[in-house]
């Protein structure tokens, strides 16, 4: 069984408050990006093994979220042993949720492979144990995500025809580093309301609270965003905790011209 594990971008990211459990309450709208995916392969096996290929990963295999997801499914639901292979294509340390998507692909894949027939709620609960944005990848549709990211409400959003450019500067931003520079705040206007305004207004009001500290520590990330705006993006932002930035361009924008900004250019 082979499963494509898409990455995501964040339209706005408000860090509202620190929680007693050490996490933060946030509000963000996550959008799946089907054009940039990792690939996860699962096969029944006498014992569980894990192998990765493609882009290098910044942790030992024993700490990879794919393997953690597999152990969770075995422990909680009695799933069998598998041979896991990850073809890594989504850059890590980018705020694109690649590792989270991989883990959720394993959860969904093992549910199907072993006929567990888990409900969506059970799949979301299992995914949420592994991270704050893993649950989003169960649905893979635009979602308003609250709580620590695992509470989801469908958020209809029409970006048909829009062109998406993702730029990954050559720096790594850890989630720990990003949160250390944030001062939580509750905005006067909720994110969902701001995103319902004309998209020509988004740049002025739909913000990512991680940008201030990440841009100060890594000016190349700010420069990448500014380059996208100069090129004509109607909205540009850092995704998640960075370091990837993205720009949304009108359908009429020349795709070949856009390719000089980043490795990844997609139609939405």
Foldseek 3Di string as FASTA:
>chain_A
DKDWQWWKFWFFKAFAAQDPVRFTWIKIKIATDRVFTKMKDKDADPAADEEEAADDDDDDPVPQLQVVLVVLCCVPPVQHHIYMYIYDGDDPLFLRCHSLSNSLCSLVVSCVVRVVPDDLVVSLVSSVVRDQQSSVNSPNHIWTATDSRSDTDHQDDDQALKKKFKAAPPDGDDPVNLVVPADHHDDPDDQSVLVPPPLLCSQVPRAYRSCVSVCVVPVVQVVLQVVLVVLAFSHKYGGHNRDMIMGIHGNPDDPVVSCVSHVDMDGD
